[in-house]
N, C-alpha and C. Protein backbone atom coordinates (compact mmCIF):
# COMPACT_ATOMS: atom_id res chain seq x y z
N UNK A 1 118.81 131.50 105.44
CA UNK A 1 119.56 131.15 106.61
C UNK A 1 120.01 129.83 106.63
N UNK A 2 121.16 129.57 107.08
CA UNK A 2 121.97 127.91 106.58
C UNK A 2 121.35 127.45 107.49
N UNK A 3 121.10 125.65 107.64
CA UNK A 3 120.95 124.88 108.37
C UNK A 3 120.87 124.93 109.82
N UNK A 4 122.40 125.33 109.85
CA UNK A 4 122.77 125.05 111.66
C UNK A 4 122.71 126.06 112.18
N UNK A 5 122.36 127.39 111.84
CA UNK A 5 121.57 128.24 112.58
C UNK A 5 120.20 128.42 112.72
N UNK A 6 119.46 127.56 111.75
CA UNK A 6 118.22 127.60 111.60
C UNK A 6 117.96 126.41 112.96
N UNK A 7 118.31 125.14 112.66
CA UNK A 7 118.72 124.49 114.20
C UNK A 7 118.42 125.38 115.06
N UNK A 8 119.93 125.74 115.61
CA UNK A 8 120.59 126.52 116.75
C UNK A 8 119.19 127.43 117.12
N UNK A 9 118.58 128.20 116.11
CA UNK A 9 117.50 129.08 116.64
C UNK A 9 116.39 128.21 117.07
N UNK A 10 116.11 127.60 116.53
CA UNK A 10 114.75 126.34 117.03
C UNK A 10 114.87 125.90 118.17
N UNK A 11 116.40 125.37 118.61
CA UNK A 11 116.42 125.24 119.91
C UNK A 11 116.42 125.74 121.05
N UNK A 12 116.47 127.23 120.64
CA UNK A 12 116.00 127.92 121.97
C UNK A 12 115.11 127.95 123.12
N UNK A 13 113.90 126.56 122.14
CA UNK A 13 112.74 126.40 123.41
C UNK A 13 112.96 125.53 124.02
N UNK A 14 114.38 124.73 124.25
CA UNK A 14 114.73 123.80 124.94
C UNK A 14 114.85 122.28 124.65
N UNK A 15 114.46 122.19 123.48
CA UNK A 15 114.18 121.01 122.46
C UNK A 15 115.99 120.45 122.34
N UNK A 16 115.85 119.03 122.34
CA UNK A 16 117.06 118.36 122.01
C UNK A 16 117.60 118.41 120.53
N UNK A 17 118.73 118.18 120.14
CA UNK A 17 118.99 118.06 119.05
C UNK A 17 118.18 117.34 118.37
N UNK A 18 118.01 115.76 118.76
CA UNK A 18 117.34 114.71 118.51
C UNK A 18 116.08 115.30 118.33
N UNK A 19 115.45 116.08 119.40
CA UNK A 19 113.90 116.49 118.89
C UNK A 19 113.97 117.29 117.80
N UNK A 20 114.79 118.01 117.93
CA UNK A 20 114.76 118.89 116.59
C UNK A 20 114.83 118.36 115.19
N UNK A 21 115.64 117.10 115.10
CA UNK A 21 115.94 116.49 113.86
C UNK A 21 114.36 115.73 113.67
N UNK A 22 113.79 115.24 114.78
CA UNK A 22 112.35 114.43 114.55
C UNK A 22 111.33 115.49 113.92
N UNK A 23 111.43 116.74 114.69
CA UNK A 23 110.67 117.77 114.12
C UNK A 23 110.37 118.10 112.57
N UNK A 24 112.06 118.18 112.27
CA UNK A 24 112.08 118.84 111.04
C UNK A 24 111.95 117.49 109.94
N UNK A 25 112.45 116.26 110.20
CA UNK A 25 111.70 114.98 109.34
C UNK A 25 110.54 114.84 109.46
N UNK A 26 109.63 115.06 110.54
CA UNK A 26 108.27 115.59 110.05
C UNK A 26 107.92 116.26 109.66
N UNK A 27 107.97 117.62 109.29
CA UNK A 27 107.95 118.41 108.35
C UNK A 27 107.94 118.42 107.01
N UNK A 28 109.09 117.48 106.57
CA UNK A 28 109.78 117.34 105.40
C UNK A 28 108.77 115.98 104.86
N UNK A 29 108.23 115.09 105.59
CA UNK A 29 107.40 114.43 105.57
C UNK A 29 105.75 114.98 104.83
N UNK A 30 105.55 115.75 106.05
CA UNK A 30 104.17 116.47 105.83
C UNK A 30 104.37 117.39 104.33
N UNK A 31 105.73 118.13 103.98
CA UNK A 31 105.49 118.67 102.94
C UNK A 31 105.55 117.79 101.65
N UNK A 32 106.17 116.61 101.95
CA UNK A 32 106.24 115.68 100.50
C UNK A 32 104.53 115.31 100.60
N UNK A 33 104.10 114.71 101.24
CA UNK A 33 102.83 114.49 101.34
C UNK A 33 102.20 115.40 100.58
N UNK A 34 102.26 116.83 100.91
CA UNK A 34 101.10 118.34 100.26
C UNK A 34 101.74 118.25 98.97
N UNK A 35 102.76 117.69 98.71
CA UNK A 35 103.22 118.09 96.99
C UNK A 35 102.32 117.04 96.29
N UNK A 36 102.57 115.88 96.95
CA UNK A 36 101.93 114.31 95.85
C UNK A 36 100.56 114.90 95.85
N UNK A 37 99.79 115.42 97.15
CA UNK A 37 98.23 115.64 97.19
C UNK A 37 97.94 116.95 96.06
N UNK A 38 98.72 117.84 95.95
CA UNK A 38 98.73 118.91 94.71
C UNK A 38 98.62 117.98 93.41
N UNK A 39 100.16 117.50 93.22
CA UNK A 39 100.11 116.83 92.06
C UNK A 39 99.05 115.95 91.69
N UNK A 40 98.25 115.20 92.81
CA UNK A 40 97.12 114.62 92.38
C UNK A 40 95.74 115.03 92.23
N UNK A 41 95.83 116.40 92.65
CA UNK A 41 94.80 117.46 92.56
C UNK A 41 94.79 117.98 91.35
N UNK A 42 95.73 118.13 90.81
CA UNK A 42 96.14 118.62 89.19
C UNK A 42 95.71 118.05 88.40
N UNK A 43 96.28 116.57 88.64
CA UNK A 43 95.72 115.59 87.44
C UNK A 43 93.78 115.36 87.37
N UNK A 44 93.34 115.69 88.16
CA UNK A 44 92.39 115.55 88.11
C UNK A 44 91.55 116.68 87.67
N UNK A 45 91.88 117.63 87.85
CA UNK A 45 91.52 119.03 87.27
C UNK A 45 91.91 119.41 85.77
N UNK A 46 93.06 118.15 85.33
CA UNK A 46 93.30 118.18 84.11
C UNK A 46 92.56 117.21 83.34
N UNK A 47 92.10 116.07 84.30
CA UNK A 47 91.10 115.11 83.66
C UNK A 47 89.58 115.60 83.07
N UNK A 48 89.24 116.39 84.17
CA UNK A 48 88.14 117.18 84.18
C UNK A 48 88.19 118.26 82.98
N UNK A 49 89.16 118.68 82.56
CA UNK A 49 89.36 119.67 81.61
C UNK A 49 89.50 118.95 80.67
N UNK A 50 90.19 117.76 80.22
CA UNK A 50 90.26 117.11 79.00
C UNK A 50 88.85 116.62 78.50
N UNK A 51 88.06 116.31 79.48
CA UNK A 51 86.46 115.54 79.06
C UNK A 51 85.64 117.12 78.69
N UNK A 52 85.87 118.05 79.14
CA UNK A 52 84.83 119.35 78.95
C UNK A 52 85.60 120.36 77.71
N UNK A 53 86.94 119.60 77.16
CA UNK A 53 87.47 120.41 76.21
C UNK A 53 86.65 121.12 74.78
N UNK A 54 85.80 119.97 74.63
CA UNK A 54 84.90 120.59 73.29
C UNK A 54 83.52 121.42 73.87
N UNK A 55 83.25 122.18 73.31
CA UNK A 55 81.72 122.55 73.73
C UNK A 55 80.71 121.74 73.68
N UNK A 56 80.30 122.10 74.65
CA UNK A 56 78.78 121.23 74.94
C UNK A 56 79.15 120.01 75.97
N UNK A 57 80.51 119.68 75.93
CA UNK A 57 80.56 118.37 76.90
C UNK A 57 80.35 118.31 78.34
N UNK A 58 79.77 117.17 78.80
CA UNK A 58 79.87 117.41 80.43
C UNK A 58 80.08 116.07 81.03
N UNK A 59 80.23 116.31 82.35
CA UNK A 59 80.68 114.94 83.21
C UNK A 59 80.14 115.08 84.56
N UNK A 60 79.38 114.25 85.15
CA UNK A 60 78.92 114.26 86.45
C UNK A 60 79.39 113.34 87.21
N UNK A 61 80.11 113.40 88.29
CA UNK A 61 80.65 112.70 89.37
C UNK A 61 79.20 112.17 90.18
N UNK A 62 79.17 110.88 90.00
CA UNK A 62 78.44 110.32 90.71
C UNK A 62 78.64 109.56 92.31
N UNK A 63 77.94 109.50 93.12
CA UNK A 63 77.83 108.85 94.68
C UNK A 63 78.80 107.76 94.66
N UNK A 64 79.38 107.28 95.44
CA UNK A 64 80.20 106.17 95.34
C UNK A 64 79.19 105.18 96.27
N UNK A 65 78.99 103.81 95.68
CA UNK A 65 78.37 102.65 95.96
C UNK A 65 79.43 101.62 96.72
N UNK A 66 79.64 101.93 98.22
CA UNK A 66 80.31 100.59 98.78
C UNK A 66 79.80 99.43 98.93
N UNK A 67 78.40 99.22 98.52
CA UNK A 67 77.53 98.00 98.55
C UNK A 67 77.67 97.61 96.81
N UNK A 68 78.07 97.90 96.27
CA UNK A 68 78.39 97.22 95.08
C UNK A 68 79.10 95.80 95.00
N UNK A 69 78.55 95.15 93.91
CA UNK A 69 78.76 93.89 93.89
C UNK A 69 80.17 93.38 93.43
N UNK A 70 80.82 94.64 92.56
CA UNK A 70 82.24 94.44 91.92
C UNK A 70 83.02 95.60 92.68
N UNK A 71 84.10 95.53 92.89
CA UNK A 71 84.59 96.34 93.64
C UNK A 71 84.87 97.56 92.63
N UNK A 72 85.26 96.85 90.92
CA UNK A 72 85.32 98.02 90.26
C UNK A 72 84.76 98.79 89.74
N UNK A 73 83.05 98.85 90.50
CA UNK A 73 82.27 99.37 89.92
C UNK A 73 81.20 99.83 90.92
N UNK A 74 82.17 100.63 92.23
CA UNK A 74 81.91 101.30 93.12
C UNK A 74 81.65 102.60 92.98
N UNK A 75 82.21 103.38 91.83
CA UNK A 75 82.23 104.24 91.48
C UNK A 75 81.88 104.75 90.43
N UNK A 76 81.44 105.90 89.76
CA UNK A 76 81.21 106.19 88.67
C UNK A 76 81.25 107.41 88.02
N UNK A 77 81.44 107.97 86.44
CA UNK A 77 80.98 109.24 86.41
C UNK A 77 80.18 109.13 84.79
N UNK A 78 79.64 109.87 84.69
CA UNK A 78 78.79 110.15 83.43
C UNK A 78 79.14 110.99 82.62
N UNK A 79 79.20 110.87 81.65
CA UNK A 79 79.74 112.04 80.45
C UNK A 79 78.88 111.84 78.84
N UNK A 80 78.57 112.95 78.96
CA UNK A 80 77.94 113.27 77.65
C UNK A 80 78.72 114.04 76.74
N UNK A 81 79.37 113.53 75.48
CA UNK A 81 80.38 114.19 75.04
C UNK A 81 80.35 114.02 73.46
N UNK A 82 81.44 114.70 72.60
CA UNK A 82 81.30 114.22 71.30
C UNK A 82 82.21 112.87 71.29
N UNK A 83 82.72 112.53 72.05
CA UNK A 83 83.76 111.46 72.00
C UNK A 83 82.85 110.22 72.42
N UNK A 84 81.32 110.13 72.89
CA UNK A 84 80.23 109.51 73.34
C UNK A 84 79.06 109.88 72.50
N UNK A 85 79.33 110.12 71.33
CA UNK A 85 78.74 110.46 70.02
C UNK A 85 77.47 110.92 70.78
N UNK A 86 77.70 111.94 71.65
CA UNK A 86 76.50 112.55 72.20
C UNK A 86 75.61 111.82 73.18
N UNK A 87 75.72 110.20 73.49
CA UNK A 87 74.96 109.69 74.07
C UNK A 87 75.56 109.56 75.60
N UNK A 88 74.60 109.50 76.60
CA UNK A 88 75.34 109.12 77.91
C UNK A 88 75.86 108.07 77.92
N UNK A 89 77.14 108.12 78.59
CA UNK A 89 78.18 106.82 78.87
C UNK A 89 78.61 107.31 80.42
N UNK A 90 78.82 106.05 80.99
CA UNK A 90 78.88 105.55 82.06
C UNK A 90 80.40 104.78 82.27
N UNK A 91 81.33 105.67 83.01
CA UNK A 91 82.81 105.20 83.38
C UNK A 91 82.76 104.85 84.66
N UNK A 92 83.17 103.46 84.87
CA UNK A 92 83.15 102.91 86.26
C UNK A 92 84.72 102.82 86.56
N UNK A 93 84.68 102.79 88.23
CA UNK A 93 85.85 102.79 88.36
C UNK A 93 85.88 102.16 90.27
N UNK A 94 86.81 101.78 90.71
CA UNK A 94 87.14 101.48 92.16
C UNK A 94 86.51 102.88 92.88
N UNK A 95 87.12 103.93 92.45
CA UNK A 95 86.68 105.25 92.97
C UNK A 95 86.61 106.24 91.62
N UNK A 96 85.84 107.65 92.42
CA UNK A 96 85.11 108.26 91.60
C UNK A 96 86.73 108.96 90.54
N UNK A 97 87.39 108.72 90.85
CA UNK A 97 89.11 109.61 90.67
C UNK A 97 89.56 108.28 89.20
N UNK A 98 89.46 107.41 89.53
CA UNK A 98 89.77 106.33 88.74
C UNK A 98 88.59 106.23 87.66
N UNK A 99 87.34 106.69 87.60
CA UNK A 99 86.26 106.40 86.50
C UNK A 99 86.28 107.59 86.09
N UNK A 100 87.17 108.82 86.71
CA UNK A 100 87.16 110.26 85.39
C UNK A 100 88.31 109.95 84.84
N UNK A 101 89.50 109.15 85.25
CA UNK A 101 90.56 108.96 84.45
C UNK A 101 90.27 108.04 83.46
N UNK A 102 89.87 106.89 83.44
CA UNK A 102 89.07 106.25 82.19
C UNK A 102 87.97 107.00 81.18
N UNK A 103 87.27 107.94 81.52
CA UNK A 103 86.67 108.60 80.95
C UNK A 103 87.38 110.10 79.81
N UNK A 104 88.50 110.43 80.34
CA UNK A 104 89.80 111.26 80.48
C UNK A 104 90.29 110.82 79.09
N UNK A 105 90.50 109.40 79.23
CA UNK A 105 91.70 108.86 78.24
C UNK A 105 90.66 108.39 77.18
N UNK A 106 89.39 108.02 77.44
CA UNK A 106 88.85 108.08 76.16
C UNK A 106 88.32 109.20 75.24
N UNK A 107 88.46 110.46 75.89
CA UNK A 107 88.32 111.79 75.22
C UNK A 107 89.77 111.93 74.57
N UNK A 108 90.56 111.36 75.19
CA UNK A 108 92.06 111.90 74.52
C UNK A 108 92.52 110.72 73.35
N UNK A 109 91.97 109.58 73.30
CA UNK A 109 91.78 108.79 72.27
C UNK A 109 90.88 109.37 71.10
N UNK A 110 89.57 109.48 71.39
CA UNK A 110 89.22 110.50 70.36
C UNK A 110 89.51 111.36 69.97
N UNK A 111 90.19 112.48 70.64
CA UNK A 111 90.60 113.91 70.19
C UNK A 111 91.91 113.30 68.83
N UNK A 112 92.76 112.38 69.24
CA UNK A 112 94.11 111.98 68.90
C UNK A 112 93.48 111.48 67.44
N UNK A 113 92.46 110.48 67.73
CA UNK A 113 91.81 109.80 66.53
C UNK A 113 91.31 110.80 65.48
N UNK A 114 90.84 112.04 65.94
CA UNK A 114 90.04 112.94 64.99
C UNK A 114 90.95 114.35 65.13
N UNK A 115 91.94 114.45 65.19
CA UNK A 115 93.10 115.39 65.12
C UNK A 115 93.12 115.90 64.00
N UNK A 116 92.85 115.15 62.59
CA UNK A 116 93.04 115.56 61.45
C UNK A 116 91.91 116.07 61.00
N UNK A 117 91.05 115.74 61.56
CA UNK A 117 89.53 116.38 60.67
C UNK A 117 89.27 117.75 60.62
């Protein structure tokens, strides 16, 4: 369906073309936000999978602490994995998503450095 026909059909309920344009603009904005959110969710899942890649690796997402003395320590994830030498390691961030990304980056670096082993 072409855009002109679509707008004409939408206009059958009495909306003016300006109102239709505003509605279409808002739907476009919401669609863009949904796509961005989907991208963010896929990044989070990718970070979790990066950490869990090796058998036995685990990650625990901790509750946020809005009363933390440092803004960069309001959230954390705990990891026990090959890249932490099987010791518990805590990665901090302003949000758990940032902390998770830090842990995933540590895993990537470890896997890159050990890819020839």
